Amino acid sequence: MIHAVIFDVGGVLVRTPDRRHRRQWEERLGLADRETEVIVFSGEMGTRAQGGEITSDQLWQWVGRRLALSPEELANFRRDFWAGDVLDEGLIAYIRSLRPRYQTAIISNATDNLRRNLTEFFAIADAFDLIVCSAEEKLMKPNPQIYRLTLERLGREPAEAVFIDDSADNVAAARHVGMIAIHFSPSLDLPAELARLGVVPITNNQ
């Protein structure tokens, strides 16, 4: 029986349906399509920031040097980079409806400002019993240890938890640990998928 539902953040709770601002910067700077994401997220320095080797501020300072941006340009680039991000309010409402019947948690490959962003900017940290951030733990998905650490803190066995992520590699790693896992896409009816697993939210009549 499932007792814990665990979510990724980027690509699941928060998505970027509008890349217009990023693309404008790519064209302005002579970068390839989606190269801004590579620089910030998946390049060497982005990976180091998510792994807790450098801070978020150090990452952005490096981005400024890498793109030869003035401090003002870097501030504008940083603002525009996140401008297309959208929080899935419906999904957050669903997550809140799962509690307290189920534990809810996050496992995110993210920099050291994740917890602050979830608390102050998105105001959703209170919807989760546990937030596990790769930069804080110095462990990144798909390392199996970050899943085991989360399960230990929740007090759950792998088969008692379901994990939702938009990365096939991260989903496969969770399954390898013994968790149930769902490969998320924006078109997926996640409540229906979870209902098939027996995860039923609390309603006003219950």
C-alpha atoms as a PDB file:
ATOM      1  CA  MET A   1       0.000   0.000   0.000  1.00  0.00           C
ATOM      2  CA  ILE A   2       1.264   3.471  -0.882  1.00  0.00           C
ATOM      3  CA  HIS A   3       1.777   5.877   2.007  1.00  0.00           C
ATOM      4  CA  ALA A   4       4.029   8.518   0.416  1.00  0.00           C
ATOM      5  CA  VAL A   5       3.842  10.430  -2.871  1.00  0.00           C
ATOM      6  CA  ILE A   6       7.100  12.078  -3.958  1.00  0.00           C
ATOM      7  CA  PHE A   7       7.451  14.721  -6.668  1.00  0.00           C
ATOM      8  CA  ASP A   8      10.142  16.291  -8.796  1.00  0.00           C
ATOM      9  CA  VAL A   9       9.935  20.095  -9.140  1.00  0.00           C
ATOM     10  CA  GLY A  10      11.272  21.285 -12.514  1.00  0.00           C
ATOM     11  CA  GLY A  11       9.235  19.781 -15.341  1.00  0.00           C
ATOM     12  CA  VAL A  12       6.517  18.567 -12.965  1.00  0.00           C
ATOM     13  CA  LEU A  13       5.392  21.128 -10.376  1.00  0.00           C
ATOM     14  CA  VAL A  14       6.972  24.029 -12.275  1.00  0.00           C
ATOM     15  CA  ARG A  15       7.190  23.970 -16.060  1.00  0.00           C
ATOM     16  CA  THR A  16       8.338  26.353 -18.798  1.00  0.00           C
ATOM     17  CA  PRO A  17       5.677  26.369 -21.527  1.00  0.00           C
ATOM     18  CA  ASP A  18       6.892  29.719 -22.875  1.00  0.00           C
ATOM     19  CA  ARG A  19      10.547  29.818 -23.994  1.00  0.00           C
ATOM     20  CA  ARG A  20      10.175  33.120 -25.810  1.00  0.00           C
ATOM     21  CA  HIS A  21      12.388  35.120 -23.465  1.00  0.00           C
ATOM     22  CA  ARG A  22      15.126  32.488 -23.444  1.00  0.00           C
ATOM     23  CA  ARG A  23      15.036  32.247 -27.219  1.00  0.00           C
ATOM     24  CA  GLN A  24      15.347  36.017 -27.566  1.00  0.00           C
ATOM     25  CA  TRP A  25      18.526  35.924 -25.490  1.00  0.00           C
ATOM     26  CA  GLU A  26      19.855  32.995 -27.510  1.00  0.00           C
ATOM     27  CA  GLU A  27      19.336  34.917 -30.723  1.00  0.00           C
ATOM     28  CA  ARG A  28      20.877  38.062 -29.242  1.00  0.00           C
ATOM     29  CA  LEU A  29      23.952  36.171 -27.988  1.00  0.00           C
ATOM     30  CA  GLY A  30      24.362  33.899 -31.017  1.00  0.00           C
ATOM     31  CA  LEU A  31      23.526  30.731 -29.081  1.00  0.00           C
ATOM     32  CA  ALA A  32      21.887  27.593 -30.385  1.00  0.00           C
ATOM     33  CA  ASP A  33      18.276  26.757 -29.566  1.00  0.00           C
ATOM     34  CA  ARG A  34      17.991  25.704 -25.894  1.00  0.00           C
ATOM     35  CA  GLU A  35      21.660  26.466 -25.245  1.00  0.00           C
ATOM     36  CA  THR A  36      20.696  28.725 -22.350  1.00  0.00           C
ATOM     37  CA  GLU A  37      19.264  25.693 -20.526  1.00  0.00           C
ATOM     38  CA  VAL A  38      22.441  23.746 -21.174  1.00  0.00           C
ATOM     39  CA  ILE A  39      24.552  26.566 -19.747  1.00  0.00           C
ATOM     40  CA  VAL A  40      22.419  27.067 -16.632  1.00  0.00           C
ATOM     41  CA  PHE A  41      21.257  23.520 -15.916  1.00  0.00           C
ATOM     42  CA  SER A  42      23.190  20.702 -17.506  1.00  0.00           C
ATOM     43  CA  GLY A  43      26.634  22.100 -18.240  1.00  0.00           C
ATOM     44  CA  GLU A  44      29.554  21.510 -15.889  1.00  0.00           C
ATOM     45  CA  MET A  45      28.864  24.514 -13.659  1.00  0.00           C
ATOM     46  CA  GLY A  46      25.123  23.930 -13.530  1.00  0.00           C
ATOM     47  CA  THR A  47      25.753  20.350 -12.477  1.00  0.00           C
ATOM     48  CA  ARG A  48      28.239  21.506  -9.846  1.00  0.00           C
ATOM     49  CA  ALA A  49      25.669  23.926  -8.438  1.00  0.00           C
ATOM     50  CA  GLN A  50      23.000  21.232  -8.264  1.00  0.00           C
ATOM     51  CA  GLY A  51      25.530  18.931  -6.645  1.00  0.00           C
ATOM     52  CA  GLY A  52      26.286  21.474  -3.936  1.00  0.00           C
ATOM     53  CA  GLU A  53      29.873  22.139  -5.017  1.00  0.00           C
ATOM     54  CA  ILE A  54      29.179  25.828  -5.699  1.00  0.00           C
ATOM     55  CA  THR A  55      26.393  28.177  -4.668  1.00  0.00           C
ATOM     56  CA  SER A  56      23.620  29.495  -6.876  1.00  0.00           C
ATOM     57  CA  ASP A  57      25.196  32.952  -6.742  1.00  0.00           C
ATOM     58  CA  GLN A  58      28.532  31.524  -7.912  1.00  0.00           C
ATOM     59  CA  LEU A  59      26.775  29.783 -10.783  1.00  0.00           C
ATOM     60  CA  TRP A  60      25.146  33.013 -11.960  1.00  0.00           C
ATOM     61  CA  GLN A  61      28.399  34.931 -11.637  1.00  0.00           C
ATOM     62  CA  TRP A  62      29.963  32.323 -13.914  1.00  0.00           C
ATOM     63  CA  VAL A  63      27.033  32.591 -16.356  1.00  0.00           C
ATOM     64  CA  GLY A  64      27.668  36.329 -16.577  1.00  0.00           C
ATOM     65  CA  ARG A  65      31.333  35.756 -17.393  1.00  0.00           C
ATOM     66  CA  ARG A  66      30.526  32.940 -19.820  1.00  0.00           C
ATOM     67  CA  LEU A  67      28.119  35.159 -21.772  1.00  0.00           C
ATOM     68  CA  ALA A  68      30.165  38.355 -21.350  1.00  0.00           C
ATOM     69  CA  LEU A  69      27.242  40.176 -19.711  1.00  0.00           C
ATOM     70  CA  SER A  70      27.461  43.348 -17.670  1.00  0.00           C
ATOM     71  CA  PRO A  71      25.949  43.186 -14.162  1.00  0.00           C
ATOM     72  CA  GLU A  72      22.803  44.891 -15.455  1.00  0.00           C
ATOM     73  CA  GLU A  73      22.564  42.545 -18.443  1.00  0.00           C
ATOM     74  CA  LEU A  74      23.067  39.528 -16.183  1.00  0.00           C
ATOM     75  CA  ALA A  75      20.257  40.687 -13.903  1.00  0.00           C
ATOM     76  CA  ASN A  76      17.975  41.045 -16.937  1.00  0.00           C
ATOM     77  CA  PHE A  77      19.054  37.669 -18.329  1.00  0.00           C
ATOM     78  CA  ARG A  78      18.426  35.983 -14.996  1.00  0.00           C
ATOM     79  CA  ARG A  79      14.972  37.582 -14.721  1.00  0.00           C
ATOM     80  CA  ASP A  80      14.062  36.645 -18.287  1.00  0.00           C
ATOM     81  CA  PHE A  81      15.407  33.103 -17.932  1.00  0.00           C
ATOM     82  CA  TRP A  82      12.715  32.329 -15.360  1.00  0.00           C
ATOM     83  CA  ALA A  83      10.001  34.513 -16.908  1.00  0.00           C
ATOM     84  CA  GLY A  84       8.299  31.639 -18.718  1.00  0.00           C
ATOM     85  CA  ASP A  85       8.072  29.381 -15.661  1.00  0.00           C
ATOM     86  CA  VAL A  86       4.562  28.477 -14.510  1.00  0.00           C
ATOM     87  CA  LEU A  87       3.525  26.735 -11.306  1.00  0.00           C
ATOM     88  CA  ASP A  88       0.896  24.034 -11.858  1.00  0.00           C
ATOM     89  CA  GLU A  89      -1.676  25.359  -9.396  1.00  0.00           C
ATOM     90  CA  GLY A  90      -4.068  22.504 -10.101  1.00  0.00           C
ATOM     91  CA  LEU A  91      -1.429  19.921  -9.296  1.00  0.00           C
ATOM     92  CA  ILE A  92      -0.522  21.740  -6.076  1.00  0.00           C
ATOM     93  CA  ALA A  93      -4.196  21.748  -5.029  1.00  0.00           C
ATOM     94  CA  TYR A  94      -4.308  18.020  -5.727  1.00  0.00           C
ATOM     95  CA  ILE A  95      -1.172  17.448  -3.641  1.00  0.00           C
ATOM     96  CA  ARG A  96      -2.731  19.341  -0.745  1.00  0.00           C
ATOM     97  CA  SER A  97      -5.820  17.128  -1.026  1.00  0.00           C
ATOM     98  CA  LEU A  98      -3.660  14.042  -0.485  1.00  0.00           C
ATOM     99  CA  ARG A  99      -2.709  15.161   3.014  1.00  0.00           C
ATOM    100  CA  PRO A 100      -2.795  14.003   5.752  1.00  0.00           C
ATOM    101  CA  ARG A 101      -3.826  10.626   4.354  1.00  0.00           C
ATOM    102  CA  TYR A 102      -0.493  10.424   2.510  1.00  0.00           C
ATOM    103  CA  GLN A 103       2.939  11.857   3.151  1.00  0.00           C
ATOM    104  CA  THR A 104       4.036  14.195   0.383  1.00  0.00           C
ATOM    105  CA  ALA A 105       7.649  14.963  -0.480  1.00  0.00           C
ATOM    106  CA  ILE A 106       9.993  16.467  -3.037  1.00  0.00           C
ATOM    107  CA  ILE A 107      13.238  15.149  -4.499  1.00  0.00           C
ATOM    108  CA  SER A 108      14.761  17.800  -6.742  1.00  0.00           C
ATOM    109  CA  ASN A 109      18.060  18.265  -8.527  1.00  0.00           C
ATOM    110  CA  ALA A 110      18.351  21.945  -7.706  1.00  0.00           C
ATOM    111  CA  THR A 111      20.688  24.633  -6.435  1.00  0.00           C
ATOM    112  CA  ASP A 112      20.873  25.846  -2.855  1.00  0.00           C
ATOM    113  CA  ASN A 113      18.043  28.359  -3.289  1.00  0.00           C
ATOM    114  CA  LEU A 114      15.346  25.718  -3.905  1.00  0.00           C
ATOM    115  CA  ARG A 115      13.917  25.743  -0.399  1.00  0.00           C
ATOM    116  CA  ARG A 116      13.753  29.546  -0.349  1.00  0.00           C
ATOM    117  CA  ASN A 117      12.041  29.626  -3.758  1.00  0.00           C
ATOM    118  CA  LEU A 118       9.460  27.051  -2.697  1.00  0.00           C
ATOM    119  CA  THR A 119       8.796  28.935   0.522  1.00  0.00           C
ATOM    120  CA  GLU A 120       8.959  32.590  -0.489  1.00  0.00           C
ATOM    121  CA  PHE A 121       8.356  32.759  -4.242  1.00  0.00           C
ATOM    122  CA  PHE A 122       5.981  29.876  -5.016  1.00  0.00           C
ATOM    123  CA  ALA A 123       4.647  29.554  -1.427  1.00  0.00           C
ATOM    124  CA  ILE A 124       4.162  25.801  -1.683  1.00  0.00           C
ATOM    125  CA  ALA A 125       6.713  24.410   0.795  1.00  0.00           C
ATOM    126  CA  ASP A 126       3.936  23.858   3.338  1.00  0.00           C
ATOM    127  CA  ALA A 127       2.298  21.328   0.979  1.00  0.00           C
ATOM    128  CA  PHE A 128       5.124  18.867   1.605  1.00  0.00           C
ATOM    129  CA  ASP A 129       6.250  16.892   4.624  1.00  0.00           C
ATOM    130  CA  LEU A 130       9.798  16.670   3.302  1.00  0.00           C
ATOM    131  CA  ILE A 131      11.928  18.538   0.754  1.00  0.00           C
ATOM    132  CA  VAL A 132      15.130  16.839  -0.390  1.00  0.00           C
ATOM    133  CA  CYS A 133      17.397  19.122  -2.438  1.00  0.00           C
ATOM    134  CA  SER A 134      20.422  17.749  -4.272  1.00  0.00           C
ATOM    135  CA  ALA A 135      22.613  20.768  -3.461  1.00  0.00           C
ATOM    136  CA  GLU A 136      21.932  20.382   0.246  1.00  0.00           C
ATOM    137  CA  GLU A 137      22.571  16.638   0.244  1.00  0.00           C
ATOM    138  CA  LYS A 138      25.388  16.708  -2.330  1.00  0.00           C
ATOM    139  CA  LEU A 139      23.578  13.870  -4.057  1.00  0.00           C
ATOM    140  CA  MET A 140      21.836  14.061  -7.424  1.00  0.00           C
ATOM    141  CA  LYS A 141      19.244  11.902  -9.088  1.00  0.00           C
ATOM    142  CA  PRO A 142      19.612   9.284 -10.480  1.00  0.00           C
ATOM    143  CA  ASN A 143      22.024   8.317  -7.664  1.00  0.00           C
ATOM    144  CA  PRO A 144      20.037   5.654  -5.767  1.00  0.00           C
ATOM    145  CA  GLN A 145      21.222   7.012  -2.428  1.00  0.00           C
ATOM    146  CA  ILE A 146      19.073  10.145  -2.713  1.00  0.00           C
ATOM    147  CA  TYR A 147      15.953   7.963  -3.011  1.00  0.00           C
ATOM    148  CA  ARG A 148      17.021   5.789  -0.066  1.00  0.00           C
ATOM    149  CA  LEU A 149      17.735   8.895   2.013  1.00  0.00           C
ATOM    150  CA  THR A 150      14.255  10.247   1.278  1.00  0.00           C
ATOM    151  CA  LEU A 151      12.595   6.954   2.176  1.00  0.00           C
ATOM    152  CA  GLU A 152      14.556   6.763   5.422  1.00  0.00           C
ATOM    153  CA  ARG A 153      13.479  10.270   6.443  1.00  0.00           C
ATOM    154  CA  LEU A 154       9.859   9.461   5.616  1.00  0.00           C
ATOM    155  CA  GLY A 155      10.091   6.165   7.502  1.00  0.00           C
ATOM    156  CA  ARG A 156       8.889   4.224   4.464  1.00  0.00           C
ATOM    157  CA  GLU A 157       9.849   1.085   2.584  1.00  0.00           C
ATOM    158  CA  PRO A 158      10.386   1.511  -1.186  1.00  0.00           C
ATOM    159  CA  ALA A 159       7.131  -0.243  -2.092  1.00  0.00           C
ATOM    160  CA  GLU A 160       5.207   2.206   0.099  1.00  0.00           C
ATOM    161  CA  ALA A 161       6.194   5.216  -2.024  1.00  0.00           C
ATOM    162  CA  VAL A 162       5.442   6.430  -5.529  1.00  0.00           C
ATOM    163  CA  PHE A 163       7.809   8.850  -7.271  1.00  0.00           C
ATOM    164  CA  ILE A 164       6.861  11.214 -10.126  1.00  0.00           C
ATOM    165  CA  ASP A 165       9.515  12.736 -12.431  1.00  0.00           C
ATOM    166  CA  ASP A 166       9.740  13.936 -16.031  1.00  0.00           C
ATOM    167  CA  SER A 167      13.154  12.277 -16.513  1.00  0.00           C
ATOM    168  CA  ALA A 168      13.107   8.665 -17.695  1.00  0.00           C
ATOM    169  CA  ASP A 169      16.513   8.068 -16.090  1.00  0.00           C
ATOM    170  CA  ASN A 170      15.311   9.310 -12.714  1.00  0.00           C
ATOM    171  CA  VAL A 171      12.166   7.200 -12.956  1.00  0.00           C
ATOM    172  CA  ALA A 172      14.216   4.106 -13.826  1.00  0.00           C
ATOM    173  CA  ALA A 173      16.510   4.723 -10.849  1.00  0.00           C
ATOM    174  CA  ALA A 174      13.564   4.975  -8.471  1.00  0.00           C
ATOM    175  CA  ARG A 175      12.182   1.694  -9.792  1.00  0.00           C
ATOM    176  CA  HIS A 176      15.597   0.083  -9.367  1.00  0.00           C
ATOM    177  CA  VAL A 177      15.491   1.039  -5.685  1.00  0.00           C
ATOM    178  CA  GLY A 178      12.096  -0.663  -5.449  1.00  0.00           C
ATOM    179  CA  MET A 179       9.804   2.348  -5.576  1.00  0.00           C
ATOM    180  CA  ILE A 180       6.767   2.671  -7.795  1.00  0.00           C
ATOM    181  CA  ALA A 181       7.472   5.437 -10.304  1.00  0.00           C
ATOM    182  CA  ILE A 182       5.528   7.423 -12.889  1.00  0.00           C
ATOM    183  CA  HIS A 183       7.140   9.103 -15.894  1.00  0.00           C
ATOM    184  CA  PHE A 184       5.439  12.491 -15.981  1.00  0.00           C
ATOM    185  CA  SER A 185       4.459  14.538 -19.016  1.00  0.00           C
ATOM    186  CA  PRO A 186       2.166  17.603 -19.139  1.00  0.00           C
ATOM    187  CA  SER A 187      -0.475  15.592 -20.994  1.00  0.00           C
ATOM    188  CA  LEU A 188      -0.578  12.891 -18.313  1.00  0.00           C
ATOM    189  CA  ASP A 189      -3.658  12.672 -16.096  1.00  0.00           C
ATOM    190  CA  LEU A 190      -1.629  12.218 -12.935  1.00  0.00           C
ATOM    191  CA  PRO A 191      -4.551  11.939 -10.477  1.00  0.00           C
ATOM    192  CA  ALA A 192      -5.990   9.136 -12.636  1.00  0.00           C
ATOM    193  CA  GLU A 193      -2.613   7.372 -12.760  1.00  0.00           C
ATOM    194  CA  LEU A 194      -2.289   7.587  -8.998  1.00  0.00           C
ATOM    195  CA  ALA A 195      -5.886   6.462  -8.497  1.00  0.00           C
ATOM    196  CA  ARG A 196      -5.040   3.294 -10.423  1.00  0.00           C
ATOM    197  CA  LEU A 197      -2.384   2.716  -7.766  1.00  0.00           C
ATOM    198  CA  GLY A 198      -4.921   3.202  -4.990  1.00  0.00           C
ATOM    199  CA  VAL A 199      -3.938   6.776  -4.136  1.00  0.00           C
ATOM    200  CA  VAL A 200      -7.206   8.576  -3.410  1.00  0.00           C
ATOM    201  CA  PRO A 201      -7.315  12.170  -2.139  1.00  0.00           C
ATOM    202  CA  ILE A 202      -9.443  13.320   0.737  1.00  0.00           C
ATOM    203  CA  THR A 203     -12.685  14.988  -0.322  1.00  0.00           C
ATOM    204  CA  ASN A 204     -15.120  17.109   1.648  1.00  0.00           C
ATOM    205  CA  ASN A 205     -17.327  14.045   2.075  1.00  0.00           C
ATOM    206  CA  GLN A 206     -14.607  11.875   3.566  1.00  0.00           C
END
